[in-house]
Amino acid sequence: MRTLTNVADAMGIEDPARLVALTAAAEGWLRHRGVATARRAWFELAWLEWRPAFIRGPGHAFSRLPRSERAARLEGRSLRVVRALIGASAPDPGSPDAGQSSPGA
């Protein structure tokens, strides 16, 4: 969940309540989506977390990078499942649909 929280932070979700909601809802959302989606999310997050360490060396995992560098690493990457997970699990509390979407929708 550390990587997922850092992805959300790099995407501009800074509200601690939304980050807590994200981590609390992620497991349930993935459970309703099935094994294949959960595996894809795990793969996307693992690749995102460890790729910088493979390129730059130990101590450079995604979660240890500054926010600006994490945001730059997200640019141009589809991360389809991770972005869907963040969107479904941590909706903007100010949006009219907040709290009304089901995890399986």
PDB file of N, CA and C in Angstrom:
ATOM      1  N   MET A   1       0.809  -1.193   0.000  1.00  0.00           N
ATOM      2  CA  MET A   1       0.000   0.000   0.000  1.00  0.00           C
ATOM      3  C   MET A   1       0.858   1.266   0.000  1.00  0.00           C
ATOM      4  N   ARG A   2       2.111   1.161   0.427  1.00  0.00           N
ATOM      5  CA  ARG A   2       2.984   2.329   0.444  1.00  0.00           C
ATOM      6  C   ARG A   2       3.134   2.901  -0.956  1.00  0.00           C
ATOM      7  N   THR A   3       3.338   2.040  -1.938  1.00  0.00           N
ATOM      8  CA  THR A   3       3.518   2.523  -3.301  1.00  0.00           C
ATOM      9  C   THR A   3       2.236   3.155  -3.813  1.00  0.00           C
ATOM     10  N   LEU A   4       1.093   2.543  -3.544  1.00  0.00           N
ATOM     11  CA  LEU A   4      -0.187   3.093  -3.982  1.00  0.00           C
ATOM     12  C   LEU A   4      -0.418   4.473  -3.373  1.00  0.00           C
ATOM     13  N   THR A   5      -0.128   4.624  -2.095  1.00  0.00           N
ATOM     14  CA  THR A   5      -0.273   5.916  -1.434  1.00  0.00           C
ATOM     15  C   THR A   5       0.671   6.948  -2.040  1.00  0.00           C
ATOM     16  N   ASN A   6       1.883   6.548  -2.363  1.00  0.00           N
ATOM     17  CA  ASN A   6       2.836   7.478  -2.977  1.00  0.00           C
ATOM     18  C   ASN A   6       2.442   7.831  -4.403  1.00  0.00           C
ATOM     19  N   VAL A   7       1.828   6.918  -5.131  1.00  0.00           N
ATOM     20  CA  VAL A   7       1.309   7.240  -6.463  1.00  0.00           C
ATOM     21  C   VAL A   7       0.205   8.281  -6.334  1.00  0.00           C
ATOM     22  N   ALA A   8      -0.731   8.056  -5.408  1.00  0.00           N
ATOM     23  CA  ALA A   8      -1.824   9.012  -5.202  1.00  0.00           C
ATOM     24  C   ALA A   8      -1.288  10.380  -4.806  1.00  0.00           C
ATOM     25  N   ASP A   9      -0.292  10.405  -3.929  1.00  0.00           N
ATOM     26  CA  ASP A   9       0.317  11.666  -3.511  1.00  0.00           C
ATOM     27  C   ASP A   9       0.959  12.379  -4.700  1.00  0.00           C
ATOM     28  N   ALA A  10       1.661  11.634  -5.543  1.00  0.00           N
ATOM     29  CA  ALA A  10       2.309  12.229  -6.712  1.00  0.00           C
ATOM     30  C   ALA A  10       1.279  12.722  -7.730  1.00  0.00           C
ATOM     31  N   MET A  11       0.083  12.124  -7.717  1.00  0.00           N
ATOM     32  CA  MET A  11      -0.986  12.543  -8.624  1.00  0.00           C
ATOM     33  C   MET A  11      -1.738  13.752  -8.085  1.00  0.00           C
ATOM     34  N   GLY A  12      -1.381  14.204  -6.886  1.00  0.00           N
ATOM     35  CA  GLY A  12      -1.973  15.414  -6.345  1.00  0.00           C
ATOM     36  C   GLY A  12      -2.980  15.197  -5.236  1.00  0.00           C
ATOM     37  N   ILE A  13      -3.171  13.974  -4.794  1.00  0.00           N
ATOM     38  CA  ILE A  13      -4.066  13.712  -3.669  1.00  0.00           C
ATOM     39  C   ILE A  13      -3.245  13.903  -2.400  1.00  0.00           C
ATOM     40  N   GLU A  14      -3.413  15.059  -1.782  1.00  0.00           N
ATOM     41  CA  GLU A  14      -2.605  15.399  -0.616  1.00  0.00           C
ATOM     42  C   GLU A  14      -3.372  15.294   0.688  1.00  0.00           C
ATOM     43  N   ASP A  15      -4.687  15.240   0.625  1.00  0.00           N
ATOM     44  CA  ASP A  15      -5.519  15.193   1.821  1.00  0.00           C
ATOM     45  C   ASP A  15      -5.314  13.874   2.556  1.00  0.00           C
ATOM     46  N   PRO A  16      -4.841  13.909   3.807  1.00  0.00           N
ATOM     47  CA  PRO A  16      -4.603  12.668   4.551  1.00  0.00           C
ATOM     48  C   PRO A  16      -5.852  11.790   4.672  1.00  0.00           C
ATOM     49  N   ALA A  17      -7.023  12.399   4.779  1.00  0.00           N
ATOM     50  CA  ALA A  17      -8.260  11.616   4.887  1.00  0.00           C
ATOM     51  C   ALA A  17      -8.511  10.820   3.609  1.00  0.00           C
ATOM     52  N   ARG A  18      -8.225  11.415   2.465  1.00  0.00           N
ATOM     53  CA  ARG A  18      -8.396  10.697   1.192  1.00  0.00           C
ATOM     54  C   ARG A  18      -7.375   9.587   1.057  1.00  0.00           C
ATOM     55  N   LEU A  19      -6.158   9.801   1.521  1.00  0.00           N
ATOM     56  CA  LEU A  19      -5.143   8.751   1.453  1.00  0.00           C
ATOM     57  C   LEU A  19      -5.506   7.579   2.363  1.00  0.00           C
ATOM     58  N   VAL A  20      -6.053   7.865   3.534  1.00  0.00           N
ATOM     59  CA  VAL A  20      -6.509   6.798   4.425  1.00  0.00           C
ATOM     60  C   VAL A  20      -7.677   6.058   3.787  1.00  0.00           C
ATOM     61  N   ALA A  21      -8.602   6.801   3.174  1.00  0.00           N
ATOM     62  CA  ALA A  21      -9.745   6.172   2.500  1.00  0.00           C
ATOM     63  C   ALA A  21      -9.266   5.287   1.352  1.00  0.00           C
ATOM     64  N   LEU A  22      -8.238   5.727   0.659  1.00  0.00           N
ATOM     65  CA  LEU A  22      -7.691   4.948  -0.448  1.00  0.00           C
ATOM     66  C   LEU A  22      -7.174   3.605   0.042  1.00  0.00           C
ATOM     67  N   THR A  23      -6.371   3.617   1.073  1.00  0.00           N
ATOM     68  CA  THR A  23      -5.804   2.363   1.556  1.00  0.00           C
ATOM     69  C   THR A  23      -6.877   1.468   2.154  1.00  0.00           C
ATOM     70  N   ALA A  24      -7.888   2.061   2.776  1.00  0.00           N
ATOM     71  CA  ALA A  24      -8.966   1.263   3.362  1.00  0.00           C
ATOM     72  C   ALA A  24      -9.848   0.625   2.298  1.00  0.00           C
ATOM     73  N   ALA A  25     -10.052   1.304   1.171  1.00  0.00           N
ATOM     74  CA  ALA A  25     -10.959   0.816   0.137  1.00  0.00           C
ATOM     75  C   ALA A  25     -10.280  -0.046  -0.927  1.00  0.00           C
ATOM     76  N   ALA A  26      -8.973   0.035  -1.037  1.00  0.00           N
ATOM     77  CA  ALA A  26      -8.261  -0.661  -2.116  1.00  0.00           C
ATOM     78  C   ALA A  26      -8.469  -2.171  -2.079  1.00  0.00           C
ATOM     79  N   GLU A  27      -8.366  -2.763  -0.919  1.00  0.00           N
ATOM     80  CA  GLU A  27      -8.507  -4.211  -0.807  1.00  0.00           C
ATOM     81  C   GLU A  27      -9.899  -4.667  -1.250  1.00  0.00           C
ATOM     82  N   GLY A  28     -10.922  -3.997  -0.786  1.00  0.00           N
ATOM     83  CA  GLY A  28     -12.284  -4.368  -1.178  1.00  0.00           C
ATOM     84  C   GLY A  28     -12.538  -4.180  -2.659  1.00  0.00           C
ATOM     85  N   TRP A  29     -12.022  -3.082  -3.215  1.00  0.00           N
ATOM     86  CA  TRP A  29     -12.211  -2.821  -4.645  1.00  0.00           C
ATOM     87  C   TRP A  29     -11.575  -3.925  -5.470  1.00  0.00           C
ATOM     88  N   LEU A  30     -10.373  -4.310  -5.100  1.00  0.00           N
ATOM     89  CA  LEU A  30      -9.685  -5.376  -5.837  1.00  0.00           C
ATOM     90  C   LEU A  30     -10.375  -6.721  -5.652  1.00  0.00           C
ATOM     91  N   ARG A  31     -10.904  -6.978  -4.486  1.00  0.00           N
ATOM     92  CA  ARG A  31     -11.607  -8.237  -4.241  1.00  0.00           C
ATOM     93  C   ARG A  31     -12.815  -8.370  -5.179  1.00  0.00           C
ATOM     94  N   HIS A  32     -13.515  -7.272  -5.409  1.00  0.00           N
ATOM     95  CA  HIS A  32     -14.685  -7.299  -6.289  1.00  0.00           C
ATOM     96  C   HIS A  32     -14.302  -7.363  -7.766  1.00  0.00           C
ATOM     97  N   ARG A  33     -13.101  -6.982  -8.091  1.00  0.00           N
ATOM     98  CA  ARG A  33     -12.642  -6.993  -9.486  1.00  0.00           C
ATOM     99  C   ARG A  33     -12.061  -8.331  -9.920  1.00  0.00           C
ATOM    100  N   GLY A  34     -11.651  -9.141  -8.979  1.00  0.00           N
ATOM    101  CA  GLY A  34     -11.151 -10.472  -9.316  1.00  0.00           C
ATOM    102  C   GLY A  34      -9.644 -10.598  -9.257  1.00  0.00           C
ATOM    103  N   VAL A  35      -9.210 -11.845  -9.395  1.00  0.00           N
ATOM    104  CA  VAL A  35      -7.801 -12.195  -9.256  1.00  0.00           C
ATOM    105  C   VAL A  35      -6.951 -11.552 -10.349  1.00  0.00           C
ATOM    106  N   ALA A  36      -7.421 -11.567 -11.578  1.00  0.00           N
ATOM    107  CA  ALA A  36      -6.626 -11.021 -12.683  1.00  0.00           C
ATOM    108  C   ALA A  36      -6.339  -9.534 -12.477  1.00  0.00           C
ATOM    109  N   THR A  37      -7.327  -8.782 -12.055  1.00  0.00           N
ATOM    110  CA  THR A  37      -7.134  -7.349 -11.813  1.00  0.00           C
ATOM    111  C   THR A  37      -6.205  -7.120 -10.632  1.00  0.00           C
ATOM    112  N   ALA A  38      -6.351  -7.923  -9.587  1.00  0.00           N
ATOM    113  CA  ALA A  38      -5.466  -7.794  -8.425  1.00  0.00           C
ATOM    114  C   ALA A  38      -4.022  -8.082  -8.809  1.00  0.00           C
ATOM    115  N   ARG A  39      -3.808  -9.105  -9.624  1.00  0.00           N
ATOM    116  CA  ARG A  39      -2.445  -9.415 -10.072  1.00  0.00           C
ATOM    117  C   ARG A  39      -1.881  -8.302 -10.929  1.00  0.00           C
ATOM    118  N   ARG A  40      -2.704  -7.752 -11.801  1.00  0.00           N
ATOM    119  CA  ARG A  40      -2.237  -6.650 -12.667  1.00  0.00           C
ATOM    120  C   ARG A  40      -1.868  -5.431 -11.815  1.00  0.00           C
ATOM    121  N   ALA A  41      -2.686  -5.129 -10.829  1.00  0.00           N
ATOM    122  CA  ALA A  41      -2.391  -3.992  -9.947  1.00  0.00           C
ATOM    123  C   ALA A  41      -1.088  -4.240  -9.188  1.00  0.00           C
ATOM    124  N   TRP A  42      -0.921  -5.465  -8.675  1.00  0.00           N
ATOM    125  CA  TRP A  42       0.314  -5.800  -7.973  1.00  0.00           C
ATOM    126  C   TRP A  42       1.514  -5.632  -8.897  1.00  0.00           C
ATOM    127  N   PHE A  43       1.407  -6.128 -10.131  1.00  0.00           N
ATOM    128  CA  PHE A  43       2.521  -6.026 -11.074  1.00  0.00           C
ATOM    129  C   PHE A  43       2.835  -4.569 -11.395  1.00  0.00           C
ATOM    130  N   GLU A  44       1.808  -3.773 -11.671  1.00  0.00           N
ATOM    131  CA  GLU A  44       2.034  -2.355 -11.982  1.00  0.00           C
ATOM    132  C   GLU A  44       2.714  -1.644 -10.816  1.00  0.00           C
ATOM    133  N   LEU A  45       2.243  -1.899  -9.597  1.00  0.00           N
ATOM    134  CA  LEU A  45       2.832  -1.241  -8.428  1.00  0.00           C
ATOM    135  C   LEU A  45       4.248  -1.728  -8.147  1.00  0.00           C
ATOM    136  N   ALA A  46       4.480  -3.030  -8.291  1.00  0.00           N
ATOM    137  CA  ALA A  46       5.832  -3.570  -8.053  1.00  0.00           C
ATOM    138  C   ALA A  46       6.810  -3.025  -9.079  1.00  0.00           C
ATOM    139  N   TRP A  47       6.413  -2.978 -10.334  1.00  0.00           N
ATOM    140  CA  TRP A  47       7.281  -2.459 -11.388  1.00  0.00           C
ATOM    141  C   TRP A  47       7.583  -0.979 -11.146  1.00  0.00           C
ATOM    142  N   LEU A  48       6.564  -0.230 -10.802  1.00  0.00           N
ATOM    143  CA  LEU A  48       6.743   1.192 -10.541  1.00  0.00           C
ATOM    144  C   LEU A  48       7.669   1.423  -9.351  1.00  0.00           C
ATOM    145  N   GLU A  49       7.513   0.607  -8.303  1.00  0.00           N
ATOM    146  CA  GLU A  49       8.328   0.769  -7.087  1.00  0.00           C
ATOM    147  C   GLU A  49       9.793   0.437  -7.321  1.00  0.00           C
ATOM    148  N   TRP A  50      10.078  -0.644  -8.018  1.00  0.00           N
ATOM    149  CA  TRP A  50      11.460  -1.134  -8.084  1.00  0.00           C
ATOM    150  C   TRP A  50      12.224  -0.754  -9.341  1.00  0.00           C
ATOM    151  N   ARG A  51      11.562  -0.262 -10.379  1.00  0.00           N
ATOM    152  CA  ARG A  51      12.273   0.107 -11.607  1.00  0.00           C
ATOM    153  C   ARG A  51      13.351   1.169 -11.352  1.00  0.00           C
ATOM    154  N   PRO A  52      13.067   2.244 -10.598  1.00  0.00           N
ATOM    155  CA  PRO A  52      14.127   3.225 -10.335  1.00  0.00           C
ATOM    156  C   PRO A  52      15.334   2.617  -9.623  1.00  0.00           C
ATOM    157  N   ALA A  53      15.101   1.656  -8.746  1.00  0.00           N
ATOM    158  CA  ALA A  53      16.213   1.018  -8.033  1.00  0.00           C
ATOM    159  C   ALA A  53      17.064   0.181  -8.982  1.00  0.00           C
ATOM    160  N   PHE A  54      16.433  -0.445  -9.969  1.00  0.00           N
ATOM    161  CA  PHE A  54      17.193  -1.219 -10.961  1.00  0.00           C
ATOM    162  C   PHE A  54      18.044  -0.305 -11.831  1.00  0.00           C
ATOM    163  N   ILE A  55      17.521   0.856 -12.136  1.00  0.00           N
ATOM    164  CA  ILE A  55      18.219   1.793 -13.028  1.00  0.00           C
ATOM    165  C   ILE A  55      19.278   2.597 -12.270  1.00  0.00           C
ATOM    166  N   ARG A  56      18.930   3.134 -11.105  1.00  0.00           N
ATOM    167  CA  ARG A  56      19.804   4.059 -10.381  1.00  0.00           C
ATOM    168  C   ARG A  56      20.552   3.426  -9.221  1.00  0.00           C
ATOM    169  N   GLY A  57      20.170   2.232  -8.828  1.00  0.00           N
ATOM    170  CA  GLY A  57      20.860   1.564  -7.732  1.00  0.00           C
ATOM    171  C   GLY A  57      20.052   1.540  -6.457  1.00  0.00           C
ATOM    172  N   PRO A  58      20.566   0.820  -5.469  1.00  0.00           N
ATOM    173  CA  PRO A  58      19.856   0.677  -4.194  1.00  0.00           C
ATOM    174  C   PRO A  58      19.546   2.029  -3.557  1.00  0.00           C
ATOM    175  N   GLY A  59      18.425   2.093  -2.866  1.00  0.00           N
ATOM    176  CA  GLY A  59      18.034   3.331  -2.195  1.00  0.00           C
ATOM    177  C   GLY A  59      17.247   4.287  -3.057  1.00  0.00           C
ATOM    178  N   HIS A  60      16.949   3.900  -4.295  1.00  0.00           N
ATOM    179  CA  HIS A  60      16.218   4.781  -5.199  1.00  0.00           C
ATOM    180  C   HIS A  60      14.856   4.216  -5.579  1.00  0.00           C
ATOM    181  N   ALA A  61      14.215   3.487  -4.682  1.00  0.00           N
ATOM    182  CA  ALA A  61      12.878   2.973  -4.952  1.00  0.00           C
ATOM    183  C   ALA A  61      11.911   4.144  -5.121  1.00  0.00           C
ATOM    184  N   PHE A  62      10.829   3.920  -5.831  1.00  0.00           N
ATOM    185  CA  PHE A  62       9.833   4.957  -6.132  1.00  0.00           C
ATOM    186  C   PHE A  62       9.387   5.693  -4.870  1.00  0.00           C
ATOM    187  N   SER A  63       9.090   4.962  -3.819  1.00  0.00           N
ATOM    188  CA  SER A  63       8.568   5.563  -2.592  1.00  0.00           C
ATOM    189  C   SER A  63       9.580   6.448  -1.876  1.00  0.00           C
ATOM    190  N   ARG A  64      10.849   6.317  -2.194  1.00  0.00           N
ATOM    191  CA  ARG A  64      11.883   7.146  -1.556  1.00  0.00           C
ATOM    192  C   ARG A  64      12.226   8.387  -2.370  1.00  0.00           C
ATOM    193  N   LEU A  65      11.657   8.503  -3.562  1.00  0.00           N
ATOM    194  CA  LEU A  65      11.938   9.656  -4.417  1.00  0.00           C
ATOM    195  C   LEU A  65      11.127  10.859  -3.954  1.00  0.00           C
ATOM    196  N   PRO A  66      11.618  12.078  -4.231  1.00  0.00           N
ATOM    197  CA  PRO A  66      10.832  13.273  -3.914  1.00  0.00           C
ATOM    198  C   PRO A  66       9.555  13.288  -4.762  1.00  0.00           C
ATOM    199  N   ARG A  67       8.530  13.974  -4.279  1.00  0.00           N
ATOM    200  CA  ARG A  67       7.232  14.019  -4.964  1.00  0.00           C
ATOM    201  C   ARG A  67       7.362  14.452  -6.419  1.00  0.00           C
ATOM    202  N   SER A  68       8.170  15.457  -6.694  1.00  0.00           N
ATOM    203  CA  SER A  68       8.298  15.942  -8.072  1.00  0.00           C
ATOM    204  C   SER A  68       8.850  14.863  -8.998  1.00  0.00           C
ATOM    205  N   GLU A  69       9.809  14.088  -8.508  1.00  0.00           N
ATOM    206  CA  GLU A  69      10.369  13.017  -9.323  1.00  0.00           C
ATOM    207  C   GLU A  69       9.375  11.862  -9.487  1.00  0.00           C
ATOM    208  N   ARG A  70       8.599  11.587  -8.426  1.00  0.00           N
ATOM    209  CA  ARG A  70       7.569  10.551  -8.543  1.00  0.00           C
ATOM    210  C   ARG A  70       6.530  10.955  -9.579  1.00  0.00           C
ATOM    211  N   ALA A  71       6.135  12.217  -9.553  1.00  0.00           N
ATOM    212  CA  ALA A  71       5.153  12.707 -10.524  1.00  0.00           C
ATOM    213  C   ALA A  71       5.709  12.609 -11.950  1.00  0.00           C
ATOM    214  N   ALA A  72       6.973  12.925 -12.123  1.00  0.00           N
ATOM    215  CA  ALA A  72       7.592  12.828 -13.448  1.00  0.00           C
ATOM    216  C   ALA A  72       7.624  11.383 -13.936  1.00  0.00           C
ATOM    217  N   ARG A  73       7.842  10.440 -13.037  1.00  0.00           N
ATOM    218  CA  ARG A  73       7.865   9.019 -13.425  1.00  0.00           C
ATOM    219  C   ARG A  73       6.487   8.507 -13.822  1.00  0.00           C
ATOM    220  N   LEU A  74       5.434   9.160 -13.355  1.00  0.00           N
ATOM    221  CA  LEU A  74       4.077   8.750 -13.715  1.00  0.00           C
ATOM    222  C   LEU A  74       3.658   9.281 -15.083  1.00  0.00           C
ATOM    223  N   GLU A  75       4.296  10.364 -15.524  1.00  0.00           N
ATOM    224  CA  GLU A  75       3.961  10.957 -16.815  1.00  0.00           C
ATOM    225  C   GLU A  75       4.160   9.955 -17.947  1.00  0.00           C
ATOM    226  N   GLY A  76       3.174   9.826 -18.789  1.00  0.00           N
ATOM    227  CA  GLY A  76       3.287   8.973 -19.955  1.00  0.00           C
ATOM    228  C   GLY A  76       3.084   7.493 -19.690  1.00  0.00           C
ATOM    229  N   ARG A  77       2.866   7.114 -18.447  1.00  0.00           N
ATOM    230  CA  ARG A  77       2.620   5.710 -18.114  1.00  0.00           C
ATOM    231  C   ARG A  77       1.121   5.503 -18.004  1.00  0.00           C
ATOM    232  N   SER A  78       0.641   4.420 -18.580  1.00  0.00           N
ATOM    233  CA  SER A  78      -0.802   4.191 -18.541  1.00  0.00           C
ATOM    234  C   SER A  78      -1.260   3.772 -17.143  1.00  0.00           C
ATOM    235  N   LEU A  79      -0.608   2.790 -16.531  1.00  0.00           N
ATOM    236  CA  LEU A  79      -0.972   2.323 -15.188  1.00  0.00           C
ATOM    237  C   LEU A  79      -2.496   2.252 -15.045  1.00  0.00           C
ATOM    238  N   ARG A  80      -3.120   1.636 -16.014  1.00  0.00           N
ATOM    239  CA  ARG A  80      -4.571   1.598 -16.124  1.00  0.00           C
ATOM    240  C   ARG A  80      -5.248   1.114 -14.839  1.00  0.00           C
ATOM    241  N   VAL A  81      -4.806  -0.001 -14.298  1.00  0.00           N
ATOM    242  CA  VAL A  81      -5.454  -0.571 -13.117  1.00  0.00           C
ATOM    243  C   VAL A  81      -5.197   0.300 -11.886  1.00  0.00           C
ATOM    244  N   VAL A  82      -3.988   0.788 -11.734  1.00  0.00           N
ATOM    245  CA  VAL A  82      -3.659   1.609 -10.569  1.00  0.00           C
ATOM    246  C   VAL A  82      -4.456   2.909 -10.598  1.00  0.00           C
ATOM    247  N   ARG A  83      -4.565   3.553 -11.747  1.00  0.00           N
ATOM    248  CA  ARG A  83      -5.341   4.792 -11.841  1.00  0.00           C
ATOM    249  C   ARG A  83      -6.824   4.536 -11.580  1.00  0.00           C
ATOM    250  N   ALA A  84      -7.346   3.412 -12.070  1.00  0.00           N
ATOM    251  CA  ALA A  84      -8.741   3.064 -11.807  1.00  0.00           C
ATOM    252  C   ALA A  84      -8.952   2.799 -10.323  1.00  0.00           C
ATOM    253  N   LEU A  85      -8.001   2.125  -9.707  1.00  0.00           N
ATOM    254  CA  LEU A  85      -8.082   1.831  -8.283  1.00  0.00           C
ATOM    255  C   LEU A  85      -8.102   3.113  -7.467  1.00  0.00           C
ATOM    256  N   ILE A  86      -7.252   4.050  -7.798  1.00  0.00           N
ATOM    257  CA  ILE A  86      -7.208   5.320  -7.079  1.00  0.00           C
ATOM    258  C   ILE A  86      -8.497   6.100  -7.300  1.00  0.00           C
ATOM    259  N   GLY A  87      -8.975   6.131  -8.537  1.00  0.00           N
ATOM    260  CA  GLY A  87     -10.211   6.855  -8.832  1.00  0.00           C
ATOM    261  C   GLY A  87     -11.427   6.279  -8.125  1.00  0.00           C
ATOM    262  N   ALA A  88     -11.514   4.966  -8.048  1.00  0.00           N
ATOM    263  CA  ALA A  88     -12.670   4.323  -7.425  1.00  0.00           C
ATOM    264  C   ALA A  88     -12.578   4.309  -5.905  1.00  0.00           C
ATOM    265  N   SER A  89     -11.379   4.229  -5.377  1.00  0.00           N
ATOM    266  CA  SER A  89     -11.206   4.086  -3.935  1.00  0.00           C
ATOM    267  C   SER A  89     -11.089   5.401  -3.191  1.00  0.00           C
ATOM    268  N   ALA A  90     -10.663   6.442  -3.864  1.00  0.00           N
ATOM    269  CA  ALA A  90     -10.477   7.730  -3.187  1.00  0.00           C
ATOM    270  C   ALA A  90     -11.099   8.846  -4.008  1.00  0.00           C
ATOM    271  N   PRO A  91     -12.431   8.831  -4.161  1.00  0.00           N
ATOM    272  CA  PRO A  91     -13.057   9.899  -4.931  1.00  0.00           C
ATOM    273  C   PRO A  91     -12.878  11.240  -4.235  1.00  0.00           C
ATOM    274  N   ASP A  92     -12.911  12.290  -5.007  1.00  0.00           N
ATOM    275  CA  ASP A  92     -12.789  13.632  -4.463  1.00  0.00           C
ATOM    276  C   ASP A  92     -14.015  13.920  -3.604  1.00  0.00           C
ATOM    277  N   PRO A  93     -13.830  14.225  -2.316  1.00  0.00           N
ATOM    278  CA  PRO A  93     -14.977  14.447  -1.445  1.00  0.00           C
ATOM    279  C   PRO A  93     -15.850  15.613  -1.892  1.00  0.00           C
ATOM    280  N   GLY A  94     -15.312  16.520  -2.677  1.00  0.00           N
ATOM    281  CA  GLY A  94     -16.089  17.654  -3.156  1.00  0.00           C
ATOM    282  C   GLY A  94     -16.890  17.361  -4.410  1.00  0.00           C
ATOM    283  N   SER A  95     -16.679  16.199  -5.012  1.00  0.00           N
ATOM    284  CA  SER A  95     -17.395  15.885  -6.247  1.00  0.00           C
ATOM    285  C   SER A  95     -18.819  15.445  -5.934  1.00  0.00           C
ATOM    286  N   PRO A  96     -19.758  15.683  -6.858  1.00  0.00           N
ATOM    287  CA  PRO A  96     -21.159  15.308  -6.603  1.00  0.00           C
ATOM    288  C   PRO A  96     -21.346  13.801  -6.468  1.00  0.00           C
ATOM    289  N   ASP A  97     -20.460  12.987  -7.036  1.00  0.00           N
ATOM    290  CA  ASP A  97     -20.596  11.531  -6.982  1.00  0.00           C
ATOM    291  C   ASP A  97     -19.876  10.913  -5.788  1.00  0.00           C
ATOM    292  N   ALA A  98     -19.267  11.697  -4.944  1.00  0.00           N
ATOM    293  CA  ALA A  98     -18.476  11.161  -3.837  1.00  0.00           C
ATOM    294  C   ALA A  98     -19.334  10.315  -2.912  1.00  0.00           C
ATOM    295  N   GLY A  99     -18.835   9.116  -2.658  1.00  0.00           N
ATOM    296  CA  GLY A  99     -19.523   8.227  -1.761  1.00  0.00           C
ATOM    297  C   GLY A  99     -20.692   7.482  -2.363  1.00  0.00           C
ATOM    298  N   GLN A 100     -20.987   7.703  -3.659  1.00  0.00           N
ATOM    299  CA  GLN A 100     -22.120   7.059  -4.267  1.00  0.00           C
ATOM    300  C   GLN A 100     -21.743   5.958  -5.246  1.00  0.00           C
ATOM    301  N   SER A 101     -20.481   5.802  -5.535  1.00  0.00           N
ATOM    302  CA  SER A 101     -20.080   4.757  -6.474  1.00  0.00           C
ATOM    303  C   SER A 101     -19.808   3.487  -5.714  1.00  0.00           C
ATOM    304  N   SER A 102     -20.219   2.366  -6.300  1.00  0.00           N
ATOM    305  CA  SER A 102     -19.967   1.085  -5.648  1.00  0.00           C
ATOM    306  C   SER A 102     -18.599   0.592  -6.039  1.00  0.00           C
ATOM    307  N   PRO A 103     -17.949  -0.204  -5.189  1.00  0.00           N
ATOM    308  CA  PRO A 103     -16.604  -0.675  -5.493  1.00  0.00           C
ATOM    309  C   PRO A 103     -16.560  -1.536  -6.739  1.00  0.00           C
ATOM    310  N   GLY A 104     -17.634  -2.212  -7.077  1.00  0.00           N
ATOM    311  CA  GLY A 104     -17.635  -3.089  -8.245  1.00  0.00           C
ATOM    312  C   GLY A 104     -18.078  -2.408  -9.503  1.00  0.00           C
ATOM    313  N   ALA A 105     -18.388  -1.123  -9.446  1.00  0.00           N
ATOM    314  CA  ALA A 105     -18.869  -0.421 -10.641  1.00  0.00           C
ATOM    315  C   ALA A 105     -17.762  -0.133 -11.599  1.00  0.00           C
TER     316      ALA A 105
END
